[in-house]
PDB file of N, CA and C in Angstrom:
ATOM      1  N   MET A   1      86.767 122.807 140.652  1.00  0.00           N
ATOM      2  CA  MET A   1      85.667 122.394 139.787  1.00  0.00           C
ATOM      3  C   MET A   1      86.126 122.354 138.326  1.00  0.00           C
ATOM      4  N   GLN A   2      86.933 123.343 137.930  1.00  0.00           N
ATOM      5  CA  GLN A   2      87.400 123.391 136.544  1.00  0.00           C
ATOM      6  C   GLN A   2      88.283 122.177 136.240  1.00  0.00           C
ATOM      7  N   LEU A   3      89.066 121.723 137.185  1.00  0.00           N
ATOM      8  CA  LEU A   3      89.903 120.540 137.018  1.00  0.00           C
ATOM      9  C   LEU A   3      89.033 119.299 136.779  1.00  0.00           C
ATOM     10  N   CYS A   4      87.922 119.218 137.448  1.00  0.00           N
ATOM     11  CA  CYS A   4      86.997 118.095 137.295  1.00  0.00           C
ATOM     12  C   CYS A   4      86.447 118.049 135.865  1.00  0.00           C
ATOM     13  N   TRP A   5      86.084 119.204 135.299  1.00  0.00           N
ATOM     14  CA  TRP A   5      85.572 119.269 133.928  1.00  0.00           C
ATOM     15  C   TRP A   5      86.651 118.868 132.925  1.00  0.00           C
ATOM     16  N   LYS A   6      87.874 119.308 133.167  1.00  0.00           N
ATOM     17  CA  LYS A   6      88.976 118.946 132.261  1.00  0.00           C
ATOM     18  C   LYS A   6      89.211 117.439 132.280  1.00  0.00           C
ATOM     19  N   LEU A   7      89.182 116.855 133.476  1.00  0.00           N
ATOM     20  CA  LEU A   7      89.360 115.419 133.591  1.00  0.00           C
ATOM     21  C   LEU A   7      88.222 114.664 132.891  1.00  0.00           C
ATOM     22  N   ALA A   8      87.011 115.135 133.071  1.00  0.00           N
ATOM     23  CA  ALA A   8      85.851 114.498 132.432  1.00  0.00           C
ATOM     24  C   ALA A   8      85.959 114.599 130.911  1.00  0.00           C
ATOM     25  N   LEU A   9      86.397 115.744 130.414  1.00  0.00           N
ATOM     26  CA  LEU A   9      86.556 115.937 128.971  1.00  0.00           C
ATOM     27  C   LEU A   9      87.654 115.035 128.427  1.00  0.00           C
ATOM     28  N   MET A  10      88.749 114.922 129.151  1.00  0.00           N
ATOM     29  CA  MET A  10      89.839 114.043 128.711  1.00  0.00           C
ATOM     30  C   MET A  10      89.392 112.581 128.690  1.00  0.00           C
ATOM     31  N   MET A  11      88.608 112.183 129.667  1.00  0.00           N
ATOM     32  CA  MET A  11      88.099 110.813 129.698  1.00  0.00           C
ATOM     33  C   MET A  11      87.158 110.551 128.523  1.00  0.00           C
ATOM     34  N   LEU A  12      86.337 111.527 128.193  1.00  0.00           N
ATOM     35  CA  LEU A  12      85.413 111.399 127.074  1.00  0.00           C
ATOM     36  C   LEU A  12      86.185 111.254 125.758  1.00  0.00           C
ATOM     37  N   VAL A  13      87.214 112.071 125.587  1.00  0.00           N
ATOM     38  CA  VAL A  13      88.039 111.983 124.380  1.00  0.00           C
ATOM     39  C   VAL A  13      88.715 110.620 124.309  1.00  0.00           C
ATOM     40  N   LEU A  14      89.231 110.140 125.419  1.00  0.00           N
ATOM     41  CA  LEU A  14      89.887 108.834 125.455  1.00  0.00           C
ATOM     42  C   LEU A  14      88.923 107.708 125.074  1.00  0.00           C
ATOM     43  N   VAL A  15      87.707 107.765 125.581  1.00  0.00           N
ATOM     44  CA  VAL A  15      86.701 106.755 125.257  1.00  0.00           C
ATOM     45  C   VAL A  15      86.368 106.801 123.762  1.00  0.00           C
ATOM     46  N   CYS A  16      86.219 107.992 123.206  1.00  0.00           N
ATOM     47  CA  CYS A  16      85.891 108.125 121.778  1.00  0.00           C
ATOM     48  C   CYS A  16      87.017 107.581 120.901  1.00  0.00           C
ATOM     49  N   VAL A  17      88.243 107.914 121.233  1.00  0.00           N
ATOM     50  CA  VAL A  17      89.390 107.441 120.447  1.00  0.00           C
ATOM     51  C   VAL A  17      89.502 105.922 120.533  1.00  0.00           C
ATOM     52  N   THR A  18      89.324 105.376 121.708  1.00  0.00           N
ATOM     53  CA  THR A  18      89.395 103.930 121.888  1.00  0.00           C
ATOM     54  C   THR A  18      88.290 103.237 121.092  1.00  0.00           C
ATOM     55  N   ALA A  19      87.102 103.781 121.098  1.00  0.00           N
ATOM     56  CA  ALA A  19      85.989 103.192 120.344  1.00  0.00           C
ATOM     57  C   ALA A  19      86.268 103.236 118.844  1.00  0.00           C
ATOM     58  N   GLN A  20      86.872 104.306 118.360  1.00  0.00           N
ATOM     59  CA  GLN A  20      87.195 104.428 116.938  1.00  0.00           C
ATOM     60  C   GLN A  20      88.222 103.380 116.528  1.00  0.00           C
ATOM     61  N   GLN A  21      89.217 103.153 117.356  1.00  0.00           N
ATOM     62  CA  GLN A  21      90.254 102.185 117.019  1.00  0.00           C
ATOM     63  C   GLN A  21      89.712 100.767 117.000  1.00  0.00           C
ATOM     64  N   HIS A  22      88.708 100.490 117.768  1.00  0.00           N
ATOM     65  CA  HIS A  22      88.124  99.156 117.800  1.00  0.00           C
ATOM     66  C   HIS A  22      87.519  98.790 116.447  1.00  0.00           C
ATOM     67  N   ASN A  23      86.918  99.751 115.753  1.00  0.00           N
ATOM     68  CA  ASN A  23      86.273  99.496 114.464  1.00  0.00           C
ATOM     69  C   ASN A  23      87.241  99.598 113.293  1.00  0.00           C
ATOM     70  N   TYR A  24      88.432 100.108 113.513  1.00  0.00           N
ATOM     71  CA  TYR A  24      89.391 100.312 112.436  1.00  0.00           C
ATOM     72  C   TYR A  24      90.094  99.004 112.098  1.00  0.00           C
ATOM     73  N   ARG A  25      90.088  98.659 110.823  1.00  0.00           N
ATOM     74  CA  ARG A  25      90.807  97.472 110.362  1.00  0.00           C
ATOM     75  C   ARG A  25      91.950  97.919 109.483  1.00  0.00           C
ATOM     76  N   ARG A  26      93.128  97.458 109.771  1.00  0.00           N
ATOM     77  CA  ARG A  26      94.276  97.816 108.957  1.00  0.00           C
ATOM     78  C   ARG A  26      94.147  97.155 107.598  1.00  0.00           C
ATOM     79  N   PRO A  27      94.548  97.856 106.539  1.00  0.00           N
ATOM     80  CA  PRO A  27      94.476  97.247 105.209  1.00  0.00           C
ATOM     81  C   PRO A  27      95.481  96.103 105.087  1.00  0.00           C
ATOM     82  N   THR A  28      95.133  95.133 104.271  1.00  0.00           N
ATOM     83  CA  THR A  28      96.070  94.038 104.040  1.00  0.00           C
ATOM     84  C   THR A  28      97.173  94.514 103.119  1.00  0.00           C
ATOM     85  N   ARG A  29      98.294  93.907 103.260  1.00  0.00           N
ATOM     86  CA  ARG A  29      99.451  94.319 102.473  1.00  0.00           C
ATOM     87  C   ARG A  29      99.362  93.712 101.077  1.00  0.00           C
ATOM     88  N   VAL A  30      99.582  94.539 100.067  1.00  0.00           N
ATOM     89  CA  VAL A  30      99.544  94.092  98.681  1.00  0.00           C
ATOM     90  C   VAL A  30     100.938  94.282  98.096  1.00  0.00           C
ATOM     91  N   GLY A  31     101.474  93.243  97.528  1.00  0.00           N
ATOM     92  CA  GLY A  31     102.790  93.346  96.898  1.00  0.00           C
ATOM     93  C   GLY A  31     102.683  94.063  95.562  1.00  0.00           C
ATOM     94  N   VAL A  32     103.720  94.781  95.211  1.00  0.00           N
ATOM     95  CA  VAL A  32     103.729  95.506  93.945  1.00  0.00           C
ATOM     96  C   VAL A  32     104.409  94.637  92.895  1.00  0.00           C
ATOM     97  N   SER A  33     103.686  94.347  91.851  1.00  0.00           N
ATOM     98  CA  SER A  33     104.228  93.576  90.742  1.00  0.00           C
ATOM     99  C   SER A  33     103.952  94.351  89.474  1.00  0.00           C
ATOM    100  N   CYS A  34     104.957  95.115  89.039  1.00  0.00           N
ATOM    101  CA  CYS A  34     104.775  95.949  87.863  1.00  0.00           C
ATOM    102  C   CYS A  34     106.132  96.223  87.223  1.00  0.00           C
ATOM    103  N   CYS A  35     106.097  96.890  86.070  1.00  0.00           N
ATOM    104  CA  CYS A  35     107.331  97.284  85.394  1.00  0.00           C
ATOM    105  C   CYS A  35     107.879  98.542  86.066  1.00  0.00           C
ATOM    106  N   LYS A  36     109.098  98.437  86.548  1.00  0.00           N
ATOM    107  CA  LYS A  36     109.749  99.588  87.162  1.00  0.00           C
ATOM    108  C   LYS A  36     110.744 100.234  86.204  1.00  0.00           C
ATOM    109  N   GLU A  37     111.017  99.554  85.098  1.00  0.00           N
ATOM    110  CA  GLU A  37     111.830 100.102  84.019  1.00  0.00           C
ATOM    111  C   GLU A  37     111.417  99.418  82.721  1.00  0.00           C
ATOM    112  N   VAL A  38     111.694 100.066  81.600  1.00  0.00           N
ATOM    113  CA  VAL A  38     111.273  99.536  80.301  1.00  0.00           C
ATOM    114  C   VAL A  38     112.447  99.477  79.343  1.00  0.00           C
ATOM    115  N   SER A  39     112.243  98.736  78.272  1.00  0.00           N
ATOM    116  CA  SER A  39     113.258  98.616  77.230  1.00  0.00           C
ATOM    117  C   SER A  39     112.704  99.201  75.939  1.00  0.00           C
ATOM    118  N   LYS A  40     113.564  99.878  75.176  1.00  0.00           N
ATOM    119  CA  LYS A  40     113.175 100.381  73.853  1.00  0.00           C
ATOM    120  C   LYS A  40     113.521  99.369  72.773  1.00  0.00           C
ATOM    121  N   ALA A  41     114.239  98.312  73.161  1.00  0.00           N
ATOM    122  CA  ALA A  41     114.680  97.301  72.195  1.00  0.00           C
ATOM    123  C   ALA A  41     113.480  96.567  71.608  1.00  0.00           C
ATOM    124  N   ARG A  42     113.551  96.311  70.316  1.00  0.00           N
ATOM    125  CA  ARG A  42     112.483  95.594  69.610  1.00  0.00           C
ATOM    126  C   ARG A  42     112.440  94.140  70.072  1.00  0.00           C
ATOM    127  N   ILE A  43     111.234  93.629  70.270  1.00  0.00           N
ATOM    128  CA  ILE A  43     111.064  92.217  70.613  1.00  0.00           C
ATOM    129  C   ILE A  43     111.144  91.426  69.309  1.00  0.00           C
ATOM    130  N   PRO A  44     112.045  90.457  69.217  1.00  0.00           N
ATOM    131  CA  PRO A  44     112.192  89.698  67.970  1.00  0.00           C
ATOM    132  C   PRO A  44     110.892  89.013  67.547  1.00  0.00           C
ATOM    133  N   ALA A  45     110.682  88.908  66.250  1.00  0.00           N
ATOM    134  CA  ALA A  45     109.476  88.271  65.708  1.00  0.00           C
ATOM    135  C   ALA A  45     109.416  86.794  66.093  1.00  0.00           C
ATOM    136  N   SER A  46     110.552  86.204  66.419  1.00  0.00           N
ATOM    137  CA  SER A  46     110.587  84.784  66.794  1.00  0.00           C
ATOM    138  C   SER A  46     109.956  84.530  68.165  1.00  0.00           C
ATOM    139  N   ILE A  47     109.795  85.580  68.978  1.00  0.00           N
ATOM    140  CA  ILE A  47     109.161  85.423  70.286  1.00  0.00           C
ATOM    141  C   ILE A  47     107.655  85.538  70.120  1.00  0.00           C
ATOM    142  N   LYS A  48     106.943  84.459  70.481  1.00  0.00           N
ATOM    143  CA  LYS A  48     105.484  84.434  70.337  1.00  0.00           C
ATOM    144  C   LYS A  48     104.843  85.182  71.507  1.00  0.00           C
ATOM    145  N   LEU A  49     104.092  86.217  71.170  1.00  0.00           N
ATOM    146  CA  LEU A  49     103.398  87.008  72.182  1.00  0.00           C
ATOM    147  C   LEU A  49     101.957  86.537  72.306  1.00  0.00           C
ATOM    148  N   MET A  50     101.486  86.429  73.546  1.00  0.00           N
ATOM    149  CA  MET A  50     100.131  85.956  73.813  1.00  0.00           C
ATOM    150  C   MET A  50      99.136  87.110  73.963  1.00  0.00           C
ATOM    151  N   GLY A  51      99.619  88.259  74.421  1.00  0.00           N
ATOM    152  CA  GLY A  51      98.761  89.406  74.652  1.00  0.00           C
ATOM    153  C   GLY A  51      99.566  90.550  75.225  1.00  0.00           C
ATOM    154  N   TYR A  52      98.865  91.634  75.546  1.00  0.00           N
ATOM    155  CA  TYR A  52      99.543  92.806  76.083  1.00  0.00           C
ATOM    156  C   TYR A  52      98.624  93.555  77.037  1.00  0.00           C
ATOM    157  N   LYS A  53      99.237  94.424  77.812  1.00  0.00           N
ATOM    158  CA  LYS A  53      98.498  95.293  78.723  1.00  0.00           C
ATOM    159  C   LYS A  53      99.258  96.603  78.832  1.00  0.00           C
ATOM    160  N   HIS A  54      98.525  97.710  78.909  1.00  0.00           N
ATOM    161  CA  HIS A  54      99.166  99.005  79.132  1.00  0.00           C
ATOM    162  C   HIS A  54      99.171  99.288  80.620  1.00  0.00           C
ATOM    163  N   GLN A  55     100.335  99.683  81.120  1.00  0.00           N
ATOM    164  CA  GLN A  55     100.497 100.022  82.534  1.00  0.00           C
ATOM    165  C   GLN A  55     100.727 101.515  82.655  1.00  0.00           C
ATOM    166  N   ASN A  56      99.917 102.177  83.455  1.00  0.00           N
ATOM    167  CA  ASN A  56     100.099 103.605  83.706  1.00  0.00           C
ATOM    168  C   ASN A  56     101.179 103.823  84.743  1.00  0.00           C
ATOM    169  N   ALA A  57     101.807 104.984  84.673  1.00  0.00           N
ATOM    170  CA  ALA A  57     102.853 105.325  85.629  1.00  0.00           C
ATOM    171  C   ALA A  57     102.225 105.716  86.957  1.00  0.00           C
ATOM    172  N   LEU A  58     102.545 104.973  87.976  1.00  0.00           N
ATOM    173  CA  LEU A  58     102.130 105.261  89.335  1.00  0.00           C
ATOM    174  C   LEU A  58     103.227 104.683  90.221  1.00  0.00           C
ATOM    175  N   SER A  59     104.042 105.557  90.750  1.00  0.00           N
ATOM    176  CA  SER A  59     105.263 105.179  91.456  1.00  0.00           C
ATOM    177  C   SER A  59     105.031 103.997  92.390  1.00  0.00           C
ATOM    178  N   PRO A  60     105.861 102.985  92.356  1.00  0.00           N
ATOM    179  CA  PRO A  60     107.148 102.866  91.685  1.00  0.00           C
ATOM    180  C   PRO A  60     107.048 102.357  90.242  1.00  0.00           C
ATOM    181  N   CYS A  61     105.848 102.134  89.744  1.00  0.00           N
ATOM    182  CA  CYS A  61     105.652 101.628  88.385  1.00  0.00           C
ATOM    183  C   CYS A  61     105.827 102.754  87.365  1.00  0.00           C
ATOM    184  N   VAL A  62     106.243 102.384  86.151  1.00  0.00           N
ATOM    185  CA  VAL A  62     106.446 103.366  85.083  1.00  0.00           C
ATOM    186  C   VAL A  62     105.456 103.102  83.946  1.00  0.00           C
ATOM    187  N   ASP A  63     105.296 104.084  83.066  1.00  0.00           N
ATOM    188  CA  ASP A  63     104.446 103.938  81.887  1.00  0.00           C
ATOM    189  C   ASP A  63     105.060 102.839  81.014  1.00  0.00           C
ATOM    190  N   ALA A  64     104.279 101.818  80.684  1.00  0.00           N
ATOM    191  CA  ALA A  64     104.832 100.682  79.944  1.00  0.00           C
ATOM    192  C   ALA A  64     103.749  99.922  79.198  1.00  0.00           C
ATOM    193  N   VAL A  65     104.190  99.201  78.167  1.00  0.00           N
ATOM    194  CA  VAL A  65     103.362  98.187  77.530  1.00  0.00           C
ATOM    195  C   VAL A  65     103.966  96.864  77.975  1.00  0.00           C
ATOM    196  N   ILE A  66     103.150  96.034  78.609  1.00  0.00           N
ATOM    197  CA  ILE A  66     103.620  94.738  79.080  1.00  0.00           C
ATOM    198  C   ILE A  66     103.172  93.685  78.083  1.00  0.00           C
ATOM    199  N   PHE A  67     104.141  93.038  77.449  1.00  0.00           N
ATOM    200  CA  PHE A  67     103.852  91.954  76.524  1.00  0.00           C
ATOM    201  C   PHE A  67     103.959  90.637  77.279  1.00  0.00           C
ATOM    202  N   TYR A  68     102.979  89.750  77.056  1.00  0.00           N
ATOM    203  CA  TYR A  68     102.946  88.458  77.719  1.00  0.00           C
ATOM    204  C   TYR A  68     103.348  87.370  76.742  1.00  0.00           C
ATOM    205  N   THR A  69     104.305  86.551  77.143  1.00  0.00           N
ATOM    206  CA  THR A  69     104.664  85.349  76.397  1.00  0.00           C
ATOM    207  C   THR A  69     104.158  84.172  77.221  1.00  0.00           C
ATOM    208  N   GLU A  70     104.433  82.967  76.770  1.00  0.00           N
ATOM    209  CA  GLU A  70     104.000  81.797  77.540  1.00  0.00           C
ATOM    210  C   GLU A  70     104.713  81.707  78.882  1.00  0.00           C
ATOM    211  N   LYS A  71     105.934  82.245  78.958  1.00  0.00           N
ATOM    212  CA  LYS A  71     106.732  82.069  80.164  1.00  0.00           C
ATOM    213  C   LYS A  71     107.020  83.340  80.939  1.00  0.00           C
ATOM    214  N   GLU A  72     106.944  84.497  80.308  1.00  0.00           N
ATOM    215  CA  GLU A  72     107.369  85.719  80.985  1.00  0.00           C
ATOM    216  C   GLU A  72     106.605  86.950  80.521  1.00  0.00           C
ATOM    217  N   LYS A  73     106.890  88.060  81.196  1.00  0.00           N
ATOM    218  CA  LYS A  73     106.340  89.356  80.827  1.00  0.00           C
ATOM    219  C   LYS A  73     107.500  90.237  80.409  1.00  0.00           C
ATOM    220  N   LEU A  74     107.296  91.012  79.347  1.00  0.00           N
ATOM    221  CA  LEU A  74     108.331  91.906  78.845  1.00  0.00           C
ATOM    222  C   LEU A  74     107.842  93.346  78.938  1.00  0.00           C
ATOM    223  N   CYS A  75     108.627  94.186  79.575  1.00  0.00           N
ATOM    224  CA  CYS A  75     108.260  95.590  79.778  1.00  0.00           C
ATOM    225  C   CYS A  75     108.869  96.435  78.673  1.00  0.00           C
ATOM    226  N   SER A  76     108.026  97.074  77.879  1.00  0.00           N
ATOM    227  CA  SER A  76     108.502  97.866  76.752  1.00  0.00           C
ATOM    228  C   SER A  76     108.047  99.312  76.872  1.00  0.00           C
ATOM    229  N   ASP A  77     108.843 100.192  76.281  1.00  0.00           N
ATOM    230  CA  ASP A  77     108.545 101.620  76.269  1.00  0.00           C
ATOM    231  C   ASP A  77     107.399 101.876  75.288  1.00  0.00           C
ATOM    232  N   PRO A  78     106.268 102.422  75.759  1.00  0.00           N
ATOM    233  CA  PRO A  78     105.130 102.653  74.856  1.00  0.00           C
ATOM    234  C   PRO A  78     105.422 103.690  73.773  1.00  0.00           C
ATOM    235  N   LYS A  79     106.489 104.468  73.927  1.00  0.00           N
ATOM    236  CA  LYS A  79     106.842 105.479  72.925  1.00  0.00           C
ATOM    237  C   LYS A  79     107.777 104.939  71.849  1.00  0.00           C
ATOM    238  N   ALA A  80     108.224 103.704  71.989  1.00  0.00           N
ATOM    239  CA  ALA A  80     109.107 103.111  70.984  1.00  0.00           C
ATOM    240  C   ALA A  80     108.346 102.996  69.664  1.00  0.00           C
ATOM    241  N   PRO A  81     108.995 103.315  68.547  1.00  0.00           N
ATOM    242  CA  PRO A  81     108.294 103.360  67.251  1.00  0.00           C
ATOM    243  C   PRO A  81     107.732 102.021  66.776  1.00  0.00           C
ATOM    244  N   TRP A  82     108.268 100.910  67.210  1.00  0.00           N
ATOM    245  CA  TRP A  82     107.831  99.598  66.738  1.00  0.00           C
ATOM    246  C   TRP A  82     106.620  99.050  67.501  1.00  0.00           C
ATOM    247  N   ILE A  83     106.237  99.690  68.584  1.00  0.00           N
ATOM    248  CA  ILE A  83     105.171  99.166  69.460  1.00  0.00           C
ATOM    249  C   ILE A  83     103.848  98.990  68.720  1.00  0.00           C
ATOM    250  N   LYS A  84     103.397 100.010  67.991  1.00  0.00           N
ATOM    251  CA  LYS A  84     102.084  99.934  67.330  1.00  0.00           C
ATOM    252  C   LYS A  84     101.988  98.741  66.390  1.00  0.00           C
ATOM    253  N   ASN A  85     103.032  98.495  65.618  1.00  0.00           N
ATOM    254  CA  ASN A  85     103.012  97.354  64.699  1.00  0.00           C
ATOM    255  C   ASN A  85     102.931  96.033  65.445  1.00  0.00           C
ATOM    256  N   ARG A  86     103.604  95.951  66.575  1.00  0.00           N
ATOM    257  CA  ARG A  86     103.626  94.700  67.341  1.00  0.00           C
ATOM    258  C   ARG A  86     102.301  94.443  68.065  1.00  0.00           C
ATOM    259  N   LEU A  87     101.547  95.511  68.348  1.00  0.00           N
ATOM    260  CA  LEU A  87     100.250  95.349  69.007  1.00  0.00           C
ATOM    261  C   LEU A  87      99.173  94.800  68.078  1.00  0.00           C
ATOM    262  N   ASN A  88      99.349  94.993  66.766  1.00  0.00           N
ATOM    263  CA  ASN A  88      98.350  94.525  65.792  1.00  0.00           C
ATOM    264  C   ASN A  88      98.087  93.033  65.943  1.00  0.00           C
ATOM    265  N   GLY A  89      96.835  92.684  66.121  1.00  0.00           N
ATOM    266  CA  GLY A  89      96.424  91.293  66.207  1.00  0.00           C
ATOM    267  C   GLY A  89      96.587  90.672  67.583  1.00  0.00           C
ATOM    268  N   LEU A  90      97.146  91.415  68.528  1.00  0.00           N
ATOM    269  CA  LEU A  90      97.312  90.867  69.872  1.00  0.00           C
ATOM    270  C   LEU A  90      96.087  91.149  70.719  1.00  0.00           C
ATOM    271  N   LYS A  91      95.803  90.233  71.618  1.00  0.00           N
ATOM    272  CA  LYS A  91      94.674  90.384  72.535  1.00  0.00           C
ATOM    273  C   LYS A  91      95.087  91.268  73.706  1.00  0.00           C
ATOM    274  N   ARG A  92      94.239  92.241  74.002  1.00  0.00           N
ATOM    275  CA  ARG A  92      94.491  93.096  75.155  1.00  0.00           C
ATOM    276  C   ARG A  92      94.060  92.349  76.417  1.00  0.00           C
ATOM    277  N   ILE A  93      94.943  92.272  77.391  1.00  0.00           N
ATOM    278  CA  ILE A  93      94.676  91.566  78.628  1.00  0.00           C
ATOM    279  C   ILE A  93      94.140  92.552  79.648  1.00  0.00           C
ATOM    280  N   VAL A  94      93.028  92.196  80.264  1.00  0.00           N
ATOM    281  CA  VAL A  94      92.402  93.051  81.268  1.00  0.00           C
ATOM    282  C   VAL A  94      92.481  92.343  82.611  1.00  0.00           C
ATOM    283  N   ASP A  95      92.924  93.085  83.623  1.00  0.00           N
ATOM    284  CA  ASP A  95      93.007  92.507  84.981  1.00  0.00           C
ATOM    285  C   ASP A  95      91.646  92.426  85.611  1.00  0.00           C
TER     286      ASP A  95
END
C-alpha cells in the first residue's frame, strides 16, 4: 500500500512540473552593445559630437561616458578631467 502512495505522489509531482513547463516562456536573447573599455584620451575639438550618454558598470559593460558622433560612438572614462568641459552644451541621449 505504501508503494502505491509513493507512486501516486510521484505522478502528481510529474504532472505539476509538466504543467509548469507548459506556461514557461524562455526569454529572448538580447545582444550586449556597450563599452567594455574606455579611453582617457581627449576627443579632439575637430570631432563634432551630437550627444552623450552615461553608461553604468554592469558586467561586461564598464562605467563610461559614450559620446555620439554622426558615424560612431566613443567610449570615454568619466573620471578623465576633460569630460565635464566637453559635456557642456551637449544633448543627453536617453534610451
